[in-house]
PDB file of N, CA and C in Angstrom:
ATOM      1  N   MET A   1       0.845  -1.184   0.000  1.00  0.00           N
ATOM      2  CA  MET A   1       0.000   0.000   0.000  1.00  0.00           C
ATOM      3  C   MET A   1       0.883   1.238   0.000  1.00  0.00           C
ATOM      4  N   ARG A   2       0.524   2.224  -0.796  1.00  0.00           N
ATOM      5  CA  ARG A   2       1.345   3.435  -0.902  1.00  0.00           C
ATOM      6  C   ARG A   2       1.090   4.372   0.270  1.00  0.00           C
ATOM      7  N   LYS A   3       2.074   5.172   0.591  1.00  0.00           N
ATOM      8  CA  LYS A   3       1.962   6.121   1.686  1.00  0.00           C
ATOM      9  C   LYS A   3       1.161   7.331   1.213  1.00  0.00           C
ATOM     10  N   VAL A   4       0.207   7.749   2.017  1.00  0.00           N
ATOM     11  CA  VAL A   4      -0.645   8.880   1.679  1.00  0.00           C
ATOM     12  C   VAL A   4      -0.402   9.979   2.697  1.00  0.00           C
ATOM     13  N   GLU A   5      -0.081  11.166   2.216  1.00  0.00           N
ATOM     14  CA  GLU A   5       0.104  12.300   3.106  1.00  0.00           C
ATOM     15  C   GLU A   5      -1.120  13.193   3.015  1.00  0.00           C
ATOM     16  N   LEU A   6      -1.665  13.509   4.176  1.00  0.00           N
ATOM     17  CA  LEU A   6      -2.859  14.344   4.239  1.00  0.00           C
ATOM     18  C   LEU A   6      -2.489  15.741   4.703  1.00  0.00           C
ATOM     19  N   ARG A   7      -3.243  16.696   4.254  1.00  0.00           N
ATOM     20  CA  ARG A   7      -3.095  18.058   4.756  1.00  0.00           C
ATOM     21  C   ARG A   7      -3.722  18.122   6.140  1.00  0.00           C
ATOM     22  N   MET A   8      -3.507  19.234   6.826  1.00  0.00           N
ATOM     23  CA  MET A   8      -3.941  19.331   8.204  1.00  0.00           C
ATOM     24  C   MET A   8      -5.452  19.139   8.357  1.00  0.00           C
ATOM     25  N   ASN A   9      -6.249  19.794   7.509  1.00  0.00           N
ATOM     26  CA  ASN A   9      -7.698  19.658   7.630  1.00  0.00           C
ATOM     27  C   ASN A   9      -8.161  18.252   7.257  1.00  0.00           C
ATOM     28  N   GLU A  10      -7.497  17.629   6.313  1.00  0.00           N
ATOM     29  CA  GLU A  10      -7.836  16.264   5.921  1.00  0.00           C
ATOM     30  C   GLU A  10      -7.482  15.272   7.030  1.00  0.00           C
ATOM     31  N   GLU A  11      -6.354  15.499   7.663  1.00  0.00           N
ATOM     32  CA  GLU A  11      -5.921  14.633   8.764  1.00  0.00           C
ATOM     33  C   GLU A  11      -6.901  14.719   9.924  1.00  0.00           C
ATOM     34  N   LYS A  12      -7.379  15.913  10.194  1.00  0.00           N
ATOM     35  CA  LYS A  12      -8.349  16.109  11.278  1.00  0.00           C
ATOM     36  C   LYS A  12      -9.639  15.340  10.982  1.00  0.00           C
ATOM     37  N   LYS A  13     -10.136  15.445   9.754  1.00  0.00           N
ATOM     38  CA  LYS A  13     -11.347  14.716   9.359  1.00  0.00           C
ATOM     39  C   LYS A  13     -11.127  13.210   9.512  1.00  0.00           C
ATOM     40  N   TYR A  14      -9.976  12.753   9.062  1.00  0.00           N
ATOM     41  CA  TYR A  14      -9.669  11.328   9.129  1.00  0.00           C
ATOM     42  C   TYR A  14      -9.670  10.827  10.569  1.00  0.00           C
ATOM     43  N   LYS A  15      -9.038  11.577  11.480  1.00  0.00           N
ATOM     44  CA  LYS A  15      -8.958  11.147  12.875  1.00  0.00           C
ATOM     45  C   LYS A  15     -10.323  11.116  13.535  1.00  0.00           C
ATOM     46  N   VAL A  16     -11.162  12.108  13.243  1.00  0.00           N
ATOM     47  CA  VAL A  16     -12.503  12.153  13.827  1.00  0.00           C
ATOM     48  C   VAL A  16     -13.320  10.952  13.380  1.00  0.00           C
ATOM     49  N   ILE A  17     -13.304  10.663  12.099  1.00  0.00           N
ATOM     50  CA  ILE A  17     -14.096   9.545  11.583  1.00  0.00           C
ATOM     51  C   ILE A  17     -13.508   8.219  12.041  1.00  0.00           C
ATOM     52  N   LYS A  18     -12.183   8.125  12.101  1.00  0.00           N
ATOM     53  CA  LYS A  18     -11.548   6.888  12.561  1.00  0.00           C
ATOM     54  C   LYS A  18     -11.925   6.589  14.003  1.00  0.00           C
ATOM     55  N   LYS A  19     -11.916   7.619  14.835  1.00  0.00           N
ATOM     56  CA  LYS A  19     -12.302   7.446  16.242  1.00  0.00           C
ATOM     57  C   LYS A  19     -13.758   7.015  16.347  1.00  0.00           C
ATOM     58  N   LEU A  20     -14.619   7.618  15.534  1.00  0.00           N
ATOM     59  CA  LEU A  20     -16.035   7.262  15.541  1.00  0.00           C
ATOM     60  C   LEU A  20     -16.227   5.801  15.165  1.00  0.00           C
ATOM     61  N   ILE A  21     -15.532   5.365  14.156  1.00  0.00           N
ATOM     62  CA  ILE A  21     -15.670   3.979  13.691  1.00  0.00           C
ATOM     63  C   ILE A  21     -15.101   2.999  14.710  1.00  0.00           C
ATOM     64  N   GLU A  22     -13.955   3.355  15.327  1.00  0.00           N
ATOM     65  CA  GLU A  22     -13.335   2.446  16.290  1.00  0.00           C
ATOM     66  C   GLU A  22     -14.190   2.266  17.540  1.00  0.00           C
ATOM     67  N   THR A  23     -14.878   3.293  17.945  1.00  0.00           N
ATOM     68  CA  THR A  23     -15.645   3.203  19.181  1.00  0.00           C
ATOM     69  C   THR A  23     -17.059   2.688  18.972  1.00  0.00           C
ATOM     70  N   ASN A  24     -17.686   3.043  17.865  1.00  0.00           N
ATOM     71  CA  ASN A  24     -19.092   2.690  17.725  1.00  0.00           C
ATOM     72  C   ASN A  24     -19.481   2.531  16.260  1.00  0.00           C
ATOM     73  N   GLY A  25     -18.679   1.875  15.475  1.00  0.00           N
ATOM     74  CA  GLY A  25     -19.011   1.804  14.068  1.00  0.00           C
ATOM     75  C   GLY A  25     -18.645   0.480  13.439  1.00  0.00           C
ATOM     76  N   ASN A  26     -18.787   0.440  12.168  1.00  0.00           N
ATOM     77  CA  ASN A  26     -18.535  -0.764  11.395  1.00  0.00           C
ATOM     78  C   ASN A  26     -17.080  -0.758  10.933  1.00  0.00           C
ATOM     79  N   LYS A  27     -16.374  -1.860  11.161  1.00  0.00           N
ATOM     80  CA  LYS A  27     -14.957  -1.949  10.786  1.00  0.00           C
ATOM     81  C   LYS A  27     -14.759  -1.948   9.270  1.00  0.00           C
ATOM     82  N   LYS A  28     -15.750  -2.354   8.513  1.00  0.00           N
ATOM     83  CA  LYS A  28     -15.624  -2.366   7.055  1.00  0.00           C
ATOM     84  C   LYS A  28     -15.491  -0.951   6.502  1.00  0.00           C
ATOM     85  N   HIS A  29     -16.157  -0.004   7.134  1.00  0.00           N
ATOM     86  CA  HIS A  29     -16.056   1.383   6.683  1.00  0.00           C
ATOM     87  C   HIS A  29     -14.664   1.958   6.947  1.00  0.00           C
ATOM     88  N   ALA A  30     -14.002   1.433   7.957  1.00  0.00           N
ATOM     89  CA  ALA A  30     -12.654   1.912   8.267  1.00  0.00           C
ATOM     90  C   ALA A  30     -11.662   1.488   7.192  1.00  0.00           C
ATOM     91  N   ALA A  31     -11.986   0.462   6.433  1.00  0.00           N
ATOM     92  CA  ALA A  31     -11.089  -0.031   5.392  1.00  0.00           C
ATOM     93  C   ALA A  31     -10.978   0.935   4.218  1.00  0.00           C
ATOM     94  N   ILE A  32     -11.829   1.938   4.170  1.00  0.00           N
ATOM     95  CA  ILE A  32     -11.778   2.930   3.080  1.00  0.00           C
ATOM     96  C   ILE A  32     -10.404   3.591   3.055  1.00  0.00           C
ATOM     97  N   GLY A  33      -9.896   3.956   4.232  1.00  0.00           N
ATOM     98  CA  GLY A  33      -8.547   4.496   4.317  1.00  0.00           C
ATOM     99  C   GLY A  33      -8.474   5.987   4.079  1.00  0.00           C
ATOM    100  N   LYS A  34      -7.250   6.478   4.083  1.00  0.00           N
ATOM    101  CA  LYS A  34      -6.990   7.909   3.979  1.00  0.00           C
ATOM    102  C   LYS A  34      -7.276   8.470   2.592  1.00  0.00           C
ATOM    103  N   GLU A  35      -7.189   7.661   1.555  1.00  0.00           N
ATOM    104  CA  GLU A  35      -7.385   8.154   0.196  1.00  0.00           C
ATOM    105  C   GLU A  35      -8.755   8.806   0.007  1.00  0.00           C
ATOM    106  N   PHE A  36      -9.700   8.397   0.812  1.00  0.00           N
ATOM    107  CA  PHE A  36     -11.061   8.913   0.713  1.00  0.00           C
ATOM    108  C   PHE A  36     -11.121  10.414   0.965  1.00  0.00           C
ATOM    109  N   PHE A  37     -10.214  10.930   1.772  1.00  0.00           N
ATOM    110  CA  PHE A  37     -10.272  12.323   2.195  1.00  0.00           C
ATOM    111  C   PHE A  37      -9.505  13.277   1.283  1.00  0.00           C
ATOM    112  N   ILE A  38      -8.823  12.759   0.302  1.00  0.00           N
ATOM    113  CA  ILE A  38      -8.053  13.606  -0.605  1.00  0.00           C
ATOM    114  C   ILE A  38      -8.949  14.031  -1.758  1.00  0.00           C
ATOM    115  N   HIS A  39      -8.969  15.312  -2.039  1.00  0.00           N
ATOM    116  CA  HIS A  39      -9.789  15.835  -3.128  1.00  0.00           C
ATOM    117  C   HIS A  39      -9.250  15.337  -4.464  1.00  0.00           C
ATOM    118  N   GLY A  40     -10.142  15.053  -5.375  1.00  0.00           N
ATOM    119  CA  GLY A  40      -9.754  14.502  -6.667  1.00  0.00           C
ATOM    120  C   GLY A  40      -8.930  15.435  -7.526  1.00  0.00           C
ATOM    121  N   ASN A  41      -9.033  16.739  -7.332  1.00  0.00           N
ATOM    122  CA  ASN A  41      -8.292  17.707  -8.148  1.00  0.00           C
ATOM    123  C   ASN A  41      -6.953  18.098  -7.541  1.00  0.00           C
ATOM    124  N   ARG A  42      -6.577  17.488  -6.464  1.00  0.00           N
ATOM    125  CA  ARG A  42      -5.327  17.865  -5.818  1.00  0.00           C
ATOM    126  C   ARG A  42      -4.152  17.602  -6.751  1.00  0.00           C
ATOM    127  N   GLY A  43      -3.283  18.599  -6.880  1.00  0.00           N
ATOM    128  CA  GLY A  43      -2.089  18.443  -7.703  1.00  0.00           C
ATOM    129  C   GLY A  43      -2.308  18.738  -9.175  1.00  0.00           C
ATOM    130  N   ARG A  44      -3.527  19.041  -9.581  1.00  0.00           N
ATOM    131  CA  ARG A  44      -3.805  19.331 -10.995  1.00  0.00           C
ATOM    132  C   ARG A  44      -3.864  20.836 -11.219  1.00  0.00           C
ATOM    133  N   GLN A  45      -3.528  21.229 -12.422  1.00  0.00           N
ATOM    134  CA  GLN A  45      -3.634  22.644 -12.800  1.00  0.00           C
ATOM    135  C   GLN A  45      -5.061  22.939 -13.236  1.00  0.00           C
ATOM    136  N   PRO A  46      -5.551  24.155 -12.973  1.00  0.00           N
ATOM    137  CA  PRO A  46      -6.876  24.508 -13.480  1.00  0.00           C
ATOM    138  C   PRO A  46      -6.900  24.445 -15.011  1.00  0.00           C
ATOM    139  N   GLN A  47      -8.070  24.175 -15.553  1.00  0.00           N
ATOM    140  CA  GLN A  47      -8.197  23.994 -16.996  1.00  0.00           C
ATOM    141  C   GLN A  47      -7.914  25.289 -17.763  1.00  0.00           C
ATOM    142  N   HIS A  48      -8.190  26.435 -17.136  1.00  0.00           N
ATOM    143  CA  HIS A  48      -8.013  27.711 -17.824  1.00  0.00           C
ATOM    144  C   HIS A  48      -6.611  28.314 -17.629  1.00  0.00           C
ATOM    145  N   THR A  49      -5.684  27.543 -17.076  1.00  0.00           N
ATOM    146  CA  THR A  49      -4.317  28.001 -16.885  1.00  0.00           C
ATOM    147  C   THR A  49      -3.632  28.186 -18.236  1.00  0.00           C
ATOM    148  N   LEU A  50      -2.872  29.275 -18.359  1.00  0.00           N
ATOM    149  CA  LEU A  50      -2.117  29.516 -19.593  1.00  0.00           C
ATOM    150  C   LEU A  50      -0.912  28.584 -19.638  1.00  0.00           C
ATOM    151  N   SER A  51      -0.651  28.033 -20.799  1.00  0.00           N
ATOM    152  CA  SER A  51       0.507  27.154 -20.939  1.00  0.00           C
ATOM    153  C   SER A  51       1.790  27.982 -20.875  1.00  0.00           C
ATOM    154  N   LEU A  52       2.873  27.321 -20.538  1.00  0.00           N
ATOM    155  CA  LEU A  52       4.166  27.992 -20.446  1.00  0.00           C
ATOM    156  C   LEU A  52       4.584  28.554 -21.801  1.00  0.00           C
ATOM    157  N   GLU A  53       4.299  27.819 -22.874  1.00  0.00           N
ATOM    158  CA  GLU A  53       4.651  28.279 -24.223  1.00  0.00           C
ATOM    159  C   GLU A  53       3.898  29.559 -24.579  1.00  0.00           C
ATOM    160  N   LEU A  54       2.604  29.612 -24.230  1.00  0.00           N
ATOM    161  CA  LEU A  54       1.805  30.799 -24.530  1.00  0.00           C
ATOM    162  C   LEU A  54       2.304  31.994 -23.726  1.00  0.00           C
ATOM    163  N   LYS A  55       2.642  31.775 -22.470  1.00  0.00           N
ATOM    164  CA  LYS A  55       3.179  32.864 -21.647  1.00  0.00           C
ATOM    165  C   LYS A  55       4.470  33.411 -22.256  1.00  0.00           C
ATOM    166  N   GLN A  56       5.355  32.502 -22.662  1.00  0.00           N
ATOM    167  CA  GLN A  56       6.622  32.927 -23.255  1.00  0.00           C
ATOM    168  C   GLN A  56       6.395  33.668 -24.567  1.00  0.00           C
ATOM    169  N   GLN A  57       5.412  33.215 -25.350  1.00  0.00           N
ATOM    170  CA  GLN A  57       5.102  33.876 -26.616  1.00  0.00           C
ATOM    171  C   GLN A  57       4.586  35.288 -26.374  1.00  0.00           C
ATOM    172  N   ILE A  58       3.715  35.463 -25.380  1.00  0.00           N
ATOM    173  CA  ILE A  58       3.175  36.784 -25.065  1.00  0.00           C
ATOM    174  C   ILE A  58       4.282  37.708 -24.597  1.00  0.00           C
ATOM    175  N   ILE A  59       5.151  37.215 -23.742  1.00  0.00           N
ATOM    176  CA  ILE A  59       6.264  38.041 -23.251  1.00  0.00           C
ATOM    177  C   ILE A  59       7.193  38.422 -24.395  1.00  0.00           C
ATOM    178  N   LYS A  60       7.488  37.475 -25.283  1.00  0.00           N
ATOM    179  CA  LYS A  60       8.365  37.751 -26.425  1.00  0.00           C
ATOM    180  C   LYS A  60       7.737  38.801 -27.343  1.00  0.00           C
ATOM    181  N   LEU A  61       6.439  38.674 -27.603  1.00  0.00           N
ATOM    182  CA  LEU A  61       5.755  39.657 -28.450  1.00  0.00           C
ATOM    183  C   LEU A  61       5.787  41.048 -27.820  1.00  0.00           C
ATOM    184  N   TYR A  62       5.588  41.110 -26.512  1.00  0.00           N
ATOM    185  CA  TYR A  62       5.586  42.418 -25.849  1.00  0.00           C
ATOM    186  C   TYR A  62       6.964  43.053 -25.863  1.00  0.00           C
ATOM    187  N   THR A  63       8.001  42.266 -25.643  1.00  0.00           N
ATOM    188  CA  THR A  63       9.349  42.839 -25.577  1.00  0.00           C
ATOM    189  C   THR A  63       9.923  43.165 -26.951  1.00  0.00           C
ATOM    190  N   SER A  64       9.492  42.465 -27.986  1.00  0.00           N
ATOM    191  CA  SER A  64      10.091  42.699 -29.295  1.00  0.00           C
ATOM    192  C   SER A  64       9.215  43.539 -30.219  1.00  0.00           C
ATOM    193  N   LYS A  65       7.955  43.202 -30.333  1.00  0.00           N
ATOM    194  CA  LYS A  65       7.107  43.811 -31.347  1.00  0.00           C
ATOM    195  C   LYS A  65       6.217  44.933 -30.801  1.00  0.00           C
ATOM    196  N   TYR A  66       5.686  44.759 -29.621  1.00  0.00           N
ATOM    197  CA  TYR A  66       4.704  45.710 -29.077  1.00  0.00           C
ATOM    198  C   TYR A  66       5.211  46.395 -27.812  1.00  0.00           C
ATOM    199  N   TRP A  67       6.487  46.680 -27.735  1.00  0.00           N
ATOM    200  CA  TRP A  67       7.104  47.219 -26.536  1.00  0.00           C
ATOM    201  C   TRP A  67       6.583  48.594 -26.143  1.00  0.00           C
ATOM    202  N   ASP A  68       6.020  49.357 -27.092  1.00  0.00           N
ATOM    203  CA  ASP A  68       5.582  50.721 -26.783  1.00  0.00           C
ATOM    204  C   ASP A  68       4.084  50.811 -26.475  1.00  0.00           C
ATOM    205  N   CYS A  69       3.394  49.681 -26.340  1.00  0.00           N
ATOM    206  CA  CYS A  69       1.946  49.670 -26.086  1.00  0.00           C
ATOM    207  C   CYS A  69       1.663  49.535 -24.595  1.00  0.00           C
ATOM    208  N   ASN A  70       0.550  50.142 -24.179  1.00  0.00           N
ATOM    209  CA  ASN A  70       0.101  49.875 -22.818  1.00  0.00           C
ATOM    210  C   ASN A  70      -0.609  48.524 -22.796  1.00  0.00           C
ATOM    211  N   TYR A  71      -0.993  48.083 -21.609  1.00  0.00           N
ATOM    212  CA  TYR A  71      -1.543  46.727 -21.471  1.00  0.00           C
ATOM    213  C   TYR A  71      -2.853  46.544 -22.239  1.00  0.00           C
ATOM    214  N   ARG A  72      -3.724  47.524 -22.194  1.00  0.00           N
ATOM    215  CA  ARG A  72      -5.017  47.391 -22.864  1.00  0.00           C
ATOM    216  C   ARG A  72      -4.842  47.304 -24.376  1.00  0.00           C
ATOM    217  N   PHE A  73      -4.042  48.193 -24.943  1.00  0.00           N
ATOM    218  CA  PHE A  73      -3.831  48.196 -26.388  1.00  0.00           C
ATOM    219  C   PHE A  73      -3.095  46.920 -26.821  1.00  0.00           C
ATOM    220  N   PHE A  74      -2.147  46.477 -25.991  1.00  0.00           N
ATOM    221  CA  PHE A  74      -1.425  45.240 -26.287  1.00  0.00           C
ATOM    222  C   PHE A  74      -2.387  44.056 -26.333  1.00  0.00           C
ATOM    223  N   THR A  75      -3.332  44.014 -25.400  1.00  0.00           N
ATOM    224  CA  THR A  75      -4.335  42.944 -25.389  1.00  0.00           C
ATOM    225  C   THR A  75      -5.166  42.968 -26.661  1.00  0.00           C
ATOM    226  N   GLU A  76      -5.567  44.158 -27.091  1.00  0.00           N
ATOM    227  CA  GLU A  76      -6.340  44.295 -28.324  1.00  0.00           C
ATOM    228  C   GLU A  76      -5.529  43.858 -29.545  1.00  0.00           C
ATOM    229  N   LEU A  77      -4.246  44.211 -29.580  1.00  0.00           N
ATOM    230  CA  LEU A  77      -3.387  43.817 -30.701  1.00  0.00           C
ATOM    231  C   LEU A  77      -3.151  42.304 -30.722  1.00  0.00           C
ATOM    232  N   LEU A  78      -3.047  41.707 -29.550  1.00  0.00           N
ATOM    233  CA  LEU A  78      -2.907  40.252 -29.501  1.00  0.00           C
ATOM    234  C   LEU A  78      -4.125  39.569 -30.123  1.00  0.00           C
ATOM    235  N   ALA A  79      -5.297  40.065 -29.799  1.00  0.00           N
ATOM    236  CA  ALA A  79      -6.520  39.458 -30.330  1.00  0.00           C
ATOM    237  C   ALA A  79      -6.645  39.700 -31.831  1.00  0.00           C
ATOM    238  N   LYS A  80      -6.300  40.895 -32.267  1.00  0.00           N
ATOM    239  CA  LYS A  80      -6.499  41.271 -33.666  1.00  0.00           C
ATOM    240  C   LYS A  80      -5.455  40.647 -34.598  1.00  0.00           C
ATOM    241  N   HIS A  81      -4.174  40.782 -34.249  1.00  0.00           N
ATOM    242  CA  HIS A  81      -3.105  40.379 -35.169  1.00  0.00           C
ATOM    243  C   HIS A  81      -2.509  39.006 -34.876  1.00  0.00           C
ATOM    244  N   GLU A  82      -2.475  38.620 -33.602  1.00  0.00           N
ATOM    245  CA  GLU A  82      -1.796  37.371 -33.229  1.00  0.00           C
ATOM    246  C   GLU A  82      -2.783  36.240 -32.948  1.00  0.00           C
ATOM    247  N   ASN A  83      -4.065  36.536 -32.946  1.00  0.00           N
ATOM    248  CA  ASN A  83      -5.117  35.548 -32.700  1.00  0.00           C
ATOM    249  C   ASN A  83      -4.982  34.898 -31.320  1.00  0.00           C
ATOM    250  N   ILE A  84      -4.588  35.699 -30.324  1.00  0.00           N
ATOM    251  CA  ILE A  84      -4.477  35.248 -28.936  1.00  0.00           C
ATOM    252  C   ILE A  84      -5.510  36.021 -28.127  1.00  0.00           C
ATOM    253  N   ASN A  85      -6.529  35.325 -27.678  1.00  0.00           N
ATOM    254  CA  ASN A  85      -7.582  35.962 -26.891  1.00  0.00           C
ATOM    255  C   ASN A  85      -7.328  35.720 -25.413  1.00  0.00           C
ATOM    256  N   ILE A  86      -6.995  36.785 -24.710  1.00  0.00           N
ATOM    257  CA  ILE A  86      -6.663  36.721 -23.289  1.00  0.00           C
ATOM    258  C   ILE A  86      -7.146  38.022 -22.657  1.00  0.00           C
ATOM    259  N   SER A  87      -7.522  37.979 -21.400  1.00  0.00           N
ATOM    260  CA  SER A  87      -8.045  39.171 -20.746  1.00  0.00           C
ATOM    261  C   SER A  87      -6.921  40.164 -20.446  1.00  0.00           C
ATOM    262  N   GLU A  88      -7.318  41.417 -20.314  1.00  0.00           N
ATOM    263  CA  GLU A  88      -6.341  42.456 -20.015  1.00  0.00           C
ATOM    264  C   GLU A  88      -5.706  42.232 -18.644  1.00  0.00           C
ATOM    265  N   SER A  89      -6.501  41.784 -17.693  1.00  0.00           N
ATOM    266  CA  SER A  89      -5.965  41.550 -16.349  1.00  0.00           C
ATOM    267  C   SER A  89      -4.944  40.411 -16.347  1.00  0.00           C
ATOM    268  N   ALA A  90      -5.172  39.387 -17.159  1.00  0.00           N
ATOM    269  CA  ALA A  90      -4.214  38.281 -17.254  1.00  0.00           C
ATOM    270  C   ALA A  90      -2.908  38.763 -17.894  1.00  0.00           C
ATOM    271  N   VAL A  91      -3.024  39.602 -18.917  1.00  0.00           N
ATOM    272  CA  VAL A  91      -1.830  40.166 -19.563  1.00  0.00           C
ATOM    273  C   VAL A  91      -1.073  41.027 -18.565  1.00  0.00           C
ATOM    274  N   ARG A  92      -1.798  41.884 -17.845  1.00  0.00           N
ATOM    275  CA  ARG A  92      -1.167  42.771 -16.861  1.00  0.00           C
ATOM    276  C   ARG A  92      -0.432  41.953 -15.806  1.00  0.00           C
ATOM    277  N   LYS A  93      -1.084  40.929 -15.272  1.00  0.00           N
ATOM    278  CA  LYS A  93      -0.469  40.092 -14.235  1.00  0.00           C
ATOM    279  C   LYS A  93       0.786  39.393 -14.761  1.00  0.00           C
ATOM    280  N   LEU A  94       0.688  38.848 -15.967  1.00  0.00           N
ATOM    281  CA  LEU A  94       1.818  38.141 -16.565  1.00  0.00           C
ATOM    282  C   LEU A  94       3.011  39.071 -16.774  1.00  0.00           C
ATOM    283  N   LEU A  95       2.759  40.259 -17.308  1.00  0.00           N
ATOM    284  CA  LEU A  95       3.859  41.181 -17.602  1.00  0.00           C
ATOM    285  C   LEU A  95       4.448  41.792 -16.330  1.00  0.00           C
ATOM    286  N   ILE A  96       3.613  42.041 -15.344  1.00  0.00           N
ATOM    287  CA  ILE A  96       4.130  42.578 -14.083  1.00  0.00           C
ATOM    288  C   ILE A  96       4.997  41.534 -13.381  1.00  0.00           C
ATOM    289  N   GLU A  97       4.626  40.271 -13.459  1.00  0.00           N
ATOM    290  CA  GLU A  97       5.449  39.202 -12.883  1.00  0.00           C
ATOM    291  C   GLU A  97       6.828  39.152 -13.528  1.00  0.00           C
ATOM    292  N   GLU A  98       6.898  39.547 -14.783  1.00  0.00           N
ATOM    293  CA  GLU A  98       8.173  39.563 -15.509  1.00  0.00           C
ATOM    294  C   GLU A  98       8.854  40.940 -15.430  1.00  0.00           C
ATOM    295  N   TYR A  99       8.321  41.827 -14.591  1.00  0.00           N
ATOM    296  CA  TYR A  99       8.852  43.175 -14.394  1.00  0.00           C
ATOM    297  C   TYR A  99       8.841  44.002 -15.679  1.00  0.00           C
ATOM    298  N   LEU A 100       7.817  43.793 -16.492  1.00  0.00           N
ATOM    299  CA  LEU A 100       7.643  44.574 -17.708  1.00  0.00           C
ATOM    300  C   LEU A 100       6.524  45.578 -17.445  1.00  0.00           C
ATOM    301  N   ILE A 101       6.914  46.822 -17.247  1.00  0.00           N
ATOM    302  CA  ILE A 101       5.962  47.858 -16.859  1.00  0.00           C
ATOM    303  C   ILE A 101       5.445  48.559 -18.103  1.00  0.00           C
ATOM    304  N   SER A 102       4.183  48.937 -18.047  1.00  0.00           N
ATOM    305  CA  SER A 102       3.550  49.651 -19.147  1.00  0.00           C
ATOM    306  C   SER A 102       4.261  50.983 -19.388  1.00  0.00           C
ATOM    307  N   PRO A 103       4.385  51.407 -20.655  1.00  0.00           N
ATOM    308  CA  PRO A 103       5.029  52.683 -20.943  1.00  0.00           C
ATOM    309  C   PRO A 103       4.290  53.853 -20.315  1.00  0.00           C
ATOM    310  N   LYS A 104       3.002  53.697 -20.097  1.00  0.00           N
ATOM    311  CA  LYS A 104       2.234  54.753 -19.451  1.00  0.00           C
ATOM    312  C   LYS A 104       2.767  55.035 -18.046  1.00  0.00           C
ATOM    313  N   CYS A 105       3.208  54.019 -17.362  1.00  0.00           N
ATOM    314  CA  CYS A 105       3.718  54.172 -16.006  1.00  0.00           C
ATOM    315  C   CYS A 105       5.091  54.830 -15.998  1.00  0.00           C
ATOM    316  N   GLN A 106       5.784  54.793 -17.100  1.00  0.00           N
ATOM    317  CA  GLN A 106       7.152  55.283 -17.147  1.00  0.00           C
ATOM    318  C   GLN A 106       7.256  56.741 -17.585  1.00  0.00           C
ATOM    319  N   ARG A 107       6.128  57.346 -17.946  1.00  0.00           N
ATOM    320  CA  ARG A 107       6.163  58.742 -18.380  1.00  0.00           C
ATOM    321  C   ARG A 107       6.458  59.670 -17.207  1.00  0.00           C
ATOM    322  N   LYS A 108       7.097  60.764 -17.502  1.00  0.00           N
ATOM    323  CA  LYS A 108       7.355  61.773 -16.474  1.00  0.00           C
ATOM    324  C   LYS A 108       6.067  62.556 -16.267  1.00  0.00           C
ATOM    325  N   PRO A 109       5.809  62.955 -15.029  1.00  0.00           N
ATOM    326  CA  PRO A 109       4.589  63.743 -14.777  1.00  0.00           C
ATOM    327  C   PRO A 109       4.721  65.144 -15.373  1.00  0.00           C
ATOM    328  N   LYS A 110       3.585  65.689 -15.750  1.00  0.00           N
ATOM    329  CA  LYS A 110       3.580  67.031 -16.327  1.00  0.00           C
ATOM    330  C   LYS A 110       3.761  68.050 -15.218  1.00  0.00           C
ATOM    331  N   ASP A 111       4.535  69.105 -15.499  1.00  0.00           N
ATOM    332  CA  ASP A 111       4.696  70.190 -14.540  1.00  0.00           C
ATOM    333  C   ASP A 111       3.495  71.097 -14.603  1.00  0.00           C
ATOM    334  N   VAL A 112       3.053  71.504 -13.463  1.00  0.00           N
ATOM    335  CA  VAL A 112       1.863  72.381 -13.414  1.00  0.00           C
ATOM    336  C   VAL A 112       2.261  73.802 -13.373  1.00  0.00           C
TER     337      VAL A 112
END
């Protein structure tokens, strides 16, 4: 049998049910084991996660071809010319993680 590691909340659930079964329950139900308490999606990536290749492609396009665009315009250009449909917030998050700041943020303030 393989070793199963439970998270803290899962371990707590397991101990409570195990105690219940040992004191006043059916031993057959105890045979279910720890695997029962692990969520089926544990360790999986969400379906809407961007692939590493797509992230690298977006970063490459921004640094080479669309370096002078702000995030909103860059998102529109991706959809129009590159056929990449992604939200502006996802683009902003991706580029900020790579320390690529919008040109709008880099402008000097106007003197009053």
